[in-house]
Amino acid sequence: MTWWRSVSDRLQVPYGLTGGEPTDALKLINDHAWSWEQLISRHVTVGVICLLVLLGFYLWASSRLIR
C-alpha cells in the first residue's frame, strides 16, 4: 500500500534514514540517479506483476480442485 499511495503523494515514500541506515529509496535516488517517477512506477509495476502471478497460481490451483 505504501507504493500505491505514493503514486498520488510522494511523501508516502519511505525516504531517509531508518535505524541510522539509509533506506533503499534514498540509495536508489542519490546513488543510482533514479528519478522519483522511476522509483515509484517501478515499485508499483513489480507489485502489480506479483499480484497477477499470484492470481494466476490461485486460478490454476482452484481449477485443479474443482476437477
C-alpha atoms as a PDB file:
ATOM      1  CA  MET A   1       0.000   0.000   0.000  1.00  0.00           C
ATOM      2  CA  THR A   2       2.901   2.364   0.619  1.00  0.00           C
ATOM      3  CA  TRP A   3       3.894   2.460  -3.030  1.00  0.00           C
ATOM      4  CA  TRP A   4       0.308   2.582  -4.282  1.00  0.00           C
ATOM      5  CA  ARG A   5      -0.358   5.638  -2.079  1.00  0.00           C
ATOM      6  CA  SER A   6       2.907   7.226  -3.243  1.00  0.00           C
ATOM      7  CA  VAL A   7       1.574   7.415  -6.817  1.00  0.00           C
ATOM      8  CA  SER A   8      -0.504  10.423  -5.773  1.00  0.00           C
ATOM      9  CA  ASP A   9       1.551  11.555  -2.757  1.00  0.00           C
ATOM     10  CA  ARG A  10       5.353  11.429  -2.952  1.00  0.00           C
ATOM     11  CA  LEU A  11       5.588  11.997   0.809  1.00  0.00           C
ATOM     12  CA  GLN A  12       4.405   8.401   1.328  1.00  0.00           C
ATOM     13  CA  VAL A  13       7.743   7.071   0.032  1.00  0.00           C
ATOM     14  CA  PRO A  14       9.958   5.784   2.860  1.00  0.00           C
ATOM     15  CA  TYR A  15      12.876   8.116   2.133  1.00  0.00           C
ATOM     16  CA  GLY A  16      15.626   8.981   4.578  1.00  0.00           C
ATOM     17  CA  LEU A  17      17.182   7.011   7.402  1.00  0.00           C
ATOM     18  CA  THR A  18      15.743   4.061   9.283  1.00  0.00           C
ATOM     19  CA  GLY A  19      17.634   2.904  12.332  1.00  0.00           C
ATOM     20  CA  GLY A  20      20.554   5.069  11.261  1.00  0.00           C
ATOM     21  CA  GLU A  21      20.782   3.339   7.870  1.00  0.00           C
ATOM     22  CA  PRO A  22      19.719   4.889   4.551  1.00  0.00           C
ATOM     23  CA  THR A  23      16.527   3.481   3.056  1.00  0.00           C
ATOM     24  CA  ASP A  24      16.557   1.761  -0.317  1.00  0.00           C
ATOM     25  CA  ALA A  25      14.677   4.719  -1.801  1.00  0.00           C
ATOM     26  CA  LEU A  26      17.392   7.113  -0.636  1.00  0.00           C
ATOM     27  CA  LYS A  27      20.111   4.894  -2.145  1.00  0.00           C
ATOM     28  CA  LEU A  28      18.293   4.480  -5.461  1.00  0.00           C
ATOM     29  CA  ILE A  29      17.673   8.206  -5.852  1.00  0.00           C
ATOM     30  CA  ASN A  30      21.004   9.516  -4.562  1.00  0.00           C
ATOM     31  CA  ASP A  31      23.472   6.763  -5.509  1.00  0.00           C
ATOM     32  CA  HIS A  32      21.909   5.358  -8.673  1.00  0.00           C
ATOM     33  CA  ALA A  33      20.300   8.529 -10.063  1.00  0.00           C
ATOM     34  CA  TRP A  34      16.732   7.180 -10.249  1.00  0.00           C
ATOM     35  CA  SER A  35      14.062   9.841 -10.541  1.00  0.00           C
ATOM     36  CA  TRP A  36      11.100   9.896  -8.166  1.00  0.00           C
ATOM     37  CA  GLU A  37       8.860   8.813 -11.032  1.00  0.00           C
ATOM     38  CA  GLN A  38      11.099   5.834 -11.840  1.00  0.00           C
ATOM     39  CA  LEU A  39      11.286   4.796  -8.209  1.00  0.00           C
ATOM     40  CA  ILE A  40       7.538   4.871  -7.696  1.00  0.00           C
ATOM     41  CA  SER A  41       6.496   3.407 -11.057  1.00  0.00           C
ATOM     42  CA  ARG A  42       8.977   0.533 -10.856  1.00  0.00           C
ATOM     43  CA  HIS A  43       7.882  -0.454  -7.359  1.00  0.00           C
ATOM     44  CA  VAL A  44       4.213  -0.276  -8.330  1.00  0.00           C
ATOM     45  CA  THR A  45       4.879  -2.288 -11.515  1.00  0.00           C
ATOM     46  CA  VAL A  46       6.669  -5.054  -9.607  1.00  0.00           C
ATOM     47  CA  GLY A  47       3.821  -5.172  -7.088  1.00  0.00           C
ATOM     48  CA  VAL A  48       1.157  -5.452  -9.792  1.00  0.00           C
ATOM     49  CA  ILE A  49       3.106  -8.172 -11.630  1.00  0.00           C
ATOM     50  CA  CYS A  50       3.460 -10.151  -8.388  1.00  0.00           C
ATOM     51  CA  LEU A  51      -0.272  -9.870  -7.738  1.00  0.00           C
ATOM     52  CA  LEU A  52      -1.039 -11.072 -11.266  1.00  0.00           C
ATOM     53  CA  VAL A  53       1.285 -14.061 -10.842  1.00  0.00           C
ATOM     54  CA  LEU A  54      -0.378 -14.915  -7.527  1.00  0.00           C
ATOM     55  CA  LEU A  55      -3.803 -14.593  -9.149  1.00  0.00           C
ATOM     56  CA  GLY A  56      -2.663 -16.956 -11.904  1.00  0.00           C
ATOM     57  CA  PHE A  57      -1.499 -19.557  -9.397  1.00  0.00           C
ATOM     58  CA  TYR A  58      -4.731 -19.167  -7.410  1.00  0.00           C
ATOM     59  CA  LEU A  59      -6.863 -19.704 -10.515  1.00  0.00           C
ATOM     60  CA  TRP A  60      -4.725 -22.652 -11.591  1.00  0.00           C
ATOM     61  CA  ALA A  61      -4.979 -24.284  -8.151  1.00  0.00           C
ATOM     62  CA  SER A  62      -8.725 -23.598  -7.979  1.00  0.00           C
ATOM     63  CA  SER A  63      -9.282 -25.237 -11.352  1.00  0.00           C
ATOM     64  CA  ARG A  64      -7.405 -28.329 -10.203  1.00  0.00           C
ATOM     65  CA  LEU A  65      -9.530 -28.612  -7.048  1.00  0.00           C
ATOM     66  CA  ILE A  66     -12.767 -28.396  -9.000  1.00  0.00           C
ATOM     67  CA  ARG A  67     -11.895 -31.421 -11.178  1.00  0.00           C
END
